[in-house]
C-alpha atoms as a PDB file:
ATOM      1  CA  UNK A   1      60.869  34.741  -8.981  1.00  0.00           C
ATOM      2  CA  UNK A   2      59.853  31.530 -10.658  1.00  0.00           C
ATOM      3  CA  UNK A   3      56.399  30.050 -10.126  1.00  0.00           C
ATOM      4  CA  UNK A   4      56.163  26.364  -9.553  1.00  0.00           C
ATOM      5  CA  UNK A   5      54.167  23.952 -11.648  1.00  0.00           C
ATOM      6  CA  UNK A   6      51.759  23.434  -8.762  1.00  0.00           C
ATOM      7  CA  UNK A   7      51.087  27.120  -8.223  1.00  0.00           C
ATOM      8  CA  UNK A   8      50.509  27.703 -11.962  1.00  0.00           C
ATOM      9  CA  UNK A   9      48.192  24.783 -12.492  1.00  0.00           C
ATOM     10  CA  UNK A  10      47.042  23.835  -8.991  1.00  0.00           C
ATOM     11  CA  UNK A  11      44.335  26.423  -8.367  1.00  0.00           C
ATOM     12  CA  UNK A  12      42.861  26.251 -11.889  1.00  0.00           C
ATOM     13  CA  UNK A  13      42.890  22.446 -11.693  1.00  0.00           C
ATOM     14  CA  UNK A  14      41.066  22.476  -8.360  1.00  0.00           C
ATOM     15  CA  UNK A  15      38.478  24.943  -9.673  1.00  0.00           C
ATOM     16  CA  UNK A  16      37.970  22.884 -12.832  1.00  0.00           C
ATOM     17  CA  UNK A  17      37.531  19.759 -10.716  1.00  0.00           C
ATOM     18  CA  UNK A  18      34.894  21.457  -8.527  1.00  0.00           C
ATOM     19  CA  UNK A  19      32.986  22.746 -11.568  1.00  0.00           C
ATOM     20  CA  UNK A  20      33.078  19.251 -13.091  1.00  0.00           C
ATOM     21  CA  UNK A  21      31.697  17.779  -9.873  1.00  0.00           C
ATOM     22  CA  UNK A  22      28.875  20.296  -9.799  1.00  0.00           C
ATOM     23  CA  UNK A  23      27.976  19.730 -13.434  1.00  0.00           C
ATOM     24  CA  UNK A  24      28.127  15.953 -13.160  1.00  0.00           C
ATOM     25  CA  UNK A  25      26.071  15.741  -9.989  1.00  0.00           C
ATOM     26  CA  UNK A  26      23.162  13.417 -10.388  1.00  0.00           C
ATOM     27  CA  UNK A  27      19.919  15.355 -10.665  1.00  0.00           C
ATOM     28  CA  UNK A  28      17.134  14.789  -8.169  1.00  0.00           C
ATOM     29  CA  UNK A  29      15.713  11.358  -8.822  1.00  0.00           C
ATOM     30  CA  UNK A  30      12.093  11.476  -9.877  1.00  0.00           C
ATOM     31  CA  UNK A  31      11.674   7.977  -8.473  1.00  0.00           C
ATOM     32  CA  UNK A  32      12.084   8.971  -4.850  1.00  0.00           C
ATOM     33  CA  UNK A  33       8.979   7.871  -2.965  1.00  0.00           C
ATOM     34  CA  UNK A  34       6.708  10.796  -2.364  1.00  0.00           C
ATOM     35  CA  UNK A  35       4.931  10.434   0.954  1.00  0.00           C
ATOM     36  CA  UNK A  36       2.860  13.068   2.661  1.00  0.00           C
ATOM     37  CA  UNK A  37       1.897  12.597   6.268  1.00  0.00           C
ATOM     38  CA  UNK A  38      -0.649  14.385   8.419  1.00  0.00           C
ATOM     39  CA  UNK A  39      -2.068  13.982  11.888  1.00  0.00           C
ATOM     40  CA  UNK A  40      -5.594  15.030  12.819  1.00  0.00           C
ATOM     41  CA  UNK A  41      -4.492  16.788  16.015  1.00  0.00           C
ATOM     42  CA  UNK A  42      -1.211  18.147  17.321  1.00  0.00           C
ATOM     43  CA  UNK A  43      -2.181  17.689  20.964  1.00  0.00           C
ATOM     44  CA  UNK A  44      -4.049  14.832  22.563  1.00  0.00           C
ATOM     45  CA  UNK A  45      -5.222  14.005  26.056  1.00  0.00           C
ATOM     46  CA  UNK A  46      -5.076  10.616  27.764  1.00  0.00           C
ATOM     47  CA  UNK A  47      -7.954   8.486  26.489  1.00  0.00           C
ATOM     48  CA  UNK A  48      -8.271  10.291  23.137  1.00  0.00           C
ATOM     49  CA  UNK A  49      -7.853   8.913  19.607  1.00  0.00           C
ATOM     50  CA  UNK A  50      -5.343  10.236  17.059  1.00  0.00           C
ATOM     51  CA  UNK A  51      -5.457   9.451  13.334  1.00  0.00           C
ATOM     52  CA  UNK A  52      -2.419   9.488  11.076  1.00  0.00           C
ATOM     53  CA  UNK A  53      -2.969   9.845   7.327  1.00  0.00           C
ATOM     54  CA  UNK A  54      -0.218   8.583   5.022  1.00  0.00           C
ATOM     55  CA  UNK A  55      -0.529   9.357   1.292  1.00  0.00           C
ATOM     56  CA  UNK A  56       1.876   7.871  -1.237  1.00  0.00           C
ATOM     57  CA  UNK A  57       2.159   9.348  -4.737  1.00  0.00           C
ATOM     58  CA  UNK A  58       3.660   7.031  -7.353  1.00  0.00           C
ATOM     59  CA  UNK A  59       6.207   9.235  -9.177  1.00  0.00           C
ATOM     60  CA  UNK A  60       7.117   6.595 -11.771  1.00  0.00           C
ATOM     61  CA  UNK A  61       5.779   6.111 -15.278  1.00  0.00           C
ATOM     62  CA  UNK A  62       4.714   2.532 -14.506  1.00  0.00           C
ATOM     63  CA  UNK A  63       2.288   1.223 -11.871  1.00  0.00           C
ATOM     64  CA  UNK A  64       3.530   0.199  -8.432  1.00  0.00           C
ATOM     65  CA  UNK A  65       2.707  -3.486  -7.950  1.00  0.00           C
ATOM     66  CA  UNK A  66       3.699  -3.907  -4.308  1.00  0.00           C
ATOM     67  CA  UNK A  67       3.610  -1.312  -1.515  1.00  0.00           C
ATOM     68  CA  UNK A  68       4.652  -2.105   2.064  1.00  0.00           C
ATOM     69  CA  UNK A  69       4.776   0.399   4.896  1.00  0.00           C
ATOM     70  CA  UNK A  70       5.608   0.055   8.561  1.00  0.00           C
ATOM     71  CA  UNK A  71       5.209   2.648  11.267  1.00  0.00           C
ATOM     72  CA  UNK A  72       7.323   2.612  14.407  1.00  0.00           C
ATOM     73  CA  UNK A  73       7.722   4.862  17.458  1.00  0.00           C
ATOM     74  CA  UNK A  74      10.782   7.102  17.459  1.00  0.00           C
ATOM     75  CA  UNK A  75      13.585   6.360  19.883  1.00  0.00           C
ATOM     76  CA  UNK A  76      12.600   9.375  22.005  1.00  0.00           C
ATOM     77  CA  UNK A  77       9.050   8.015  22.258  1.00  0.00           C
ATOM     78  CA  UNK A  78      10.268   4.607  23.410  1.00  0.00           C
ATOM     79  CA  UNK A  79      12.476   6.200  26.075  1.00  0.00           C
ATOM     80  CA  UNK A  80       9.463   7.703  27.828  1.00  0.00           C
ATOM     81  CA  UNK A  81       8.147   4.532  29.439  1.00  0.00           C
ATOM     82  CA  UNK A  82       5.181   6.394  30.929  1.00  0.00           C
ATOM     83  CA  UNK A  83       3.697   7.062  27.470  1.00  0.00           C
ATOM     84  CA  UNK A  84       0.929   4.594  26.807  1.00  0.00           C
ATOM     85  CA  UNK A  85      -0.829   4.204  23.495  1.00  0.00           C
ATOM     86  CA  UNK A  86      -1.971   1.442  21.184  1.00  0.00           C
ATOM     87  CA  UNK A  87      -2.915   1.337  17.523  1.00  0.00           C
ATOM     88  CA  UNK A  88      -6.533   0.360  17.232  1.00  0.00           C
ATOM     89  CA  UNK A  89      -7.483   0.492  13.550  1.00  0.00           C
ATOM     90  CA  UNK A  90      -6.447   1.243  10.022  1.00  0.00           C
ATOM     91  CA  UNK A  91      -8.321   2.030   6.870  1.00  0.00           C
ATOM     92  CA  UNK A  92      -8.143   3.469   3.415  1.00  0.00           C
ATOM     93  CA  UNK A  93      -6.574   1.749   0.420  1.00  0.00           C
ATOM     94  CA  UNK A  94      -5.224  -1.310   2.229  1.00  0.00           C
ATOM     95  CA  UNK A  95      -5.257  -5.012   1.445  1.00  0.00           C
ATOM     96  CA  UNK A  96      -3.938  -5.950   4.865  1.00  0.00           C
ATOM     97  CA  UNK A  97      -3.075  -4.127   8.023  1.00  0.00           C
ATOM     98  CA  UNK A  98      -1.570  -5.275  11.292  1.00  0.00           C
ATOM     99  CA  UNK A  99      -1.902  -2.884  14.175  1.00  0.00           C
ATOM    100  CA  UNK A 100       0.393  -4.064  16.923  1.00  0.00           C
ATOM    101  CA  UNK A 101       0.437  -2.387  20.297  1.00  0.00           C
ATOM    102  CA  UNK A 102       2.856   0.402  19.401  1.00  0.00           C
ATOM    103  CA  UNK A 103       3.432  -0.076  15.669  1.00  0.00           C
ATOM    104  CA  UNK A 104       1.636  -0.852  12.450  1.00  0.00           C
ATOM    105  CA  UNK A 105       2.226  -2.700   9.160  1.00  0.00           C
ATOM    106  CA  UNK A 106       0.270  -1.812   6.046  1.00  0.00           C
ATOM    107  CA  UNK A 107       0.038  -3.301   2.559  1.00  0.00           C
ATOM    108  CA  UNK A 108      -1.474  -0.672   0.262  1.00  0.00           C
ATOM    109  CA  UNK A 109      -4.001  -1.777  -2.373  1.00  0.00           C
ATOM    110  CA  UNK A 110      -2.230  -2.234  -5.692  1.00  0.00           C
ATOM    111  CA  UNK A 111      -1.662  -1.491  -8.459  1.00  0.00           C
ATOM    112  CA  UNK A 112      -1.049   2.212  -7.880  1.00  0.00           C
ATOM    113  CA  UNK A 113      -1.129   3.777 -11.337  1.00  0.00           C
ATOM    114  CA  UNK A 114       1.651   6.074 -12.524  1.00  0.00           C
ATOM    115  CA  UNK A 115       1.104   9.486 -10.950  1.00  0.00           C
ATOM    116  CA  UNK A 116      -1.761   8.218  -8.776  1.00  0.00           C
ATOM    117  CA  UNK A 117      -1.999   8.314  -4.993  1.00  0.00           C
ATOM    118  CA  UNK A 118      -2.979   5.817  -2.338  1.00  0.00           C
ATOM    119  CA  UNK A 119      -3.943   6.794   1.190  1.00  0.00           C
ATOM    120  CA  UNK A 120      -4.058   4.820   4.406  1.00  0.00           C
ATOM    121  CA  UNK A 121      -5.053   5.883   7.887  1.00  0.00           C
ATOM    122  CA  UNK A 122      -3.862   4.503  11.194  1.00  0.00           C
ATOM    123  CA  UNK A 123      -5.594   5.370  14.447  1.00  0.00           C
ATOM    124  CA  UNK A 124      -4.130   4.992  17.890  1.00  0.00           C
ATOM    125  CA  UNK A 125      -5.583   5.621  21.326  1.00  0.00           C
ATOM    126  CA  UNK A 126      -3.588   7.395  24.006  1.00  0.00           C
ATOM    127  CA  UNK A 127      -3.876   5.334  27.174  1.00  0.00           C
ATOM    128  CA  UNK A 128      -6.107   6.766  29.888  1.00  0.00           C
ATOM    129  CA  UNK A 129      -3.223   6.240  32.341  1.00  0.00           C
ATOM    130  CA  UNK A 130      -0.523   7.681  30.058  1.00  0.00           C
ATOM    131  CA  UNK A 131       1.814  10.367  31.321  1.00  0.00           C
ATOM    132  CA  UNK A 132       0.979  13.823  30.074  1.00  0.00           C
ATOM    133  CA  UNK A 133       2.377  17.332  30.073  1.00  0.00           C
ATOM    134  CA  UNK A 134       6.009  18.307  30.545  1.00  0.00           C
ATOM    135  CA  UNK A 135       6.952  17.558  26.928  1.00  0.00           C
ATOM    136  CA  UNK A 136       5.345  14.107  26.687  1.00  0.00           C
ATOM    137  CA  UNK A 137       5.237  13.362  22.940  1.00  0.00           C
ATOM    138  CA  UNK A 138       4.285  10.419  20.782  1.00  0.00           C
ATOM    139  CA  UNK A 139       6.186  10.581  17.472  1.00  0.00           C
ATOM    140  CA  UNK A 140       6.769   7.994  14.757  1.00  0.00           C
ATOM    141  CA  UNK A 141       8.757   7.226  11.653  1.00  0.00           C
ATOM    142  CA  UNK A 142       7.660   5.127   8.712  1.00  0.00           C
ATOM    143  CA  UNK A 143       9.573   2.823   6.414  1.00  0.00           C
ATOM    144  CA  UNK A 144       8.116   2.672   2.914  1.00  0.00           C
ATOM    145  CA  UNK A 145       9.059   0.107   0.272  1.00  0.00           C
ATOM    146  CA  UNK A 146       7.477  -0.376  -3.106  1.00  0.00           C
ATOM    147  CA  UNK A 147       8.121  -2.149  -6.399  1.00  0.00           C
ATOM    148  CA  UNK A 148       7.327  -0.934  -9.899  1.00  0.00           C
ATOM    149  CA  UNK A 149       8.277  -1.671 -13.555  1.00  0.00           C
ATOM    150  CA  UNK A 150       6.791  -5.161 -13.294  1.00  0.00           C
ATOM    151  CA  UNK A 151       8.798  -5.842 -10.142  1.00  0.00           C
ATOM    152  CA  UNK A 152      12.176  -5.159 -11.756  1.00  0.00           C
ATOM    153  CA  UNK A 153      12.718  -1.909  -9.830  1.00  0.00           C
ATOM    154  CA  UNK A 154      12.059  -0.828  -6.265  1.00  0.00           C
ATOM    155  CA  UNK A 155      12.296   2.238  -4.101  1.00  0.00           C
ATOM    156  CA  UNK A 156      12.239   2.838  -0.380  1.00  0.00           C
ATOM    157  CA  UNK A 157      12.695   5.496   2.232  1.00  0.00           C
ATOM    158  CA  UNK A 158      12.330   6.398   5.874  1.00  0.00           C
ATOM    159  CA  UNK A 159      10.081   9.334   6.699  1.00  0.00           C
ATOM    160  CA  UNK A 160       9.380  11.171   9.932  1.00  0.00           C
ATOM    161  CA  UNK A 161       5.778  11.186  11.073  1.00  0.00           C
ATOM    162  CA  UNK A 162       4.885  14.103  13.278  1.00  0.00           C
ATOM    163  CA  UNK A 163       2.887  12.806  16.195  1.00  0.00           C
ATOM    164  CA  UNK A 164       1.490  14.887  18.981  1.00  0.00           C
ATOM    165  CA  UNK A 165       2.071  16.219  22.411  1.00  0.00           C
ATOM    166  CA  UNK A 166       0.145  14.494  25.187  1.00  0.00           C
ATOM    167  CA  UNK A 167      -1.317  17.222  27.377  1.00  0.00           C
ATOM    168  CA  UNK A 168      -3.154  16.811  30.643  1.00  0.00           C
ATOM    169  CA  UNK A 169      -6.895  17.491  30.499  1.00  0.00           C
END
């Protein structure tokens, strides 16, 4: 029985193609923004304050000259209309900060040297009349954008920010 051209060369060609794809895959990009996020408490009660700490590490070999970060409630948080909270303050390495009712905008102090970190904190207060219990959660995400290499390059990313469960006192 004769083998066809496809059966003789098809499987080896497919395997060679897959190996080539694996070997040519772009390695992890060292320039991906490195952001660590922490919250000072995993549960909060109505009327209490919660502080988020956001620390950016500049992974590039040049200083970051511009760093912008926004923090927004997740979609699930916005769906629970009984959740009440408001950002009240920010601090750390910031040049400007705007704490809106349910979101925040931060401009980190710059330059951020290569390999250095910059940390900002945002505090919000859970409303005294907020719903609580039964899975009530306040969670966020943050959009981070920064420029480096004398403004000729930029990087950005969206990161989840673990919030907290609002429990009844």
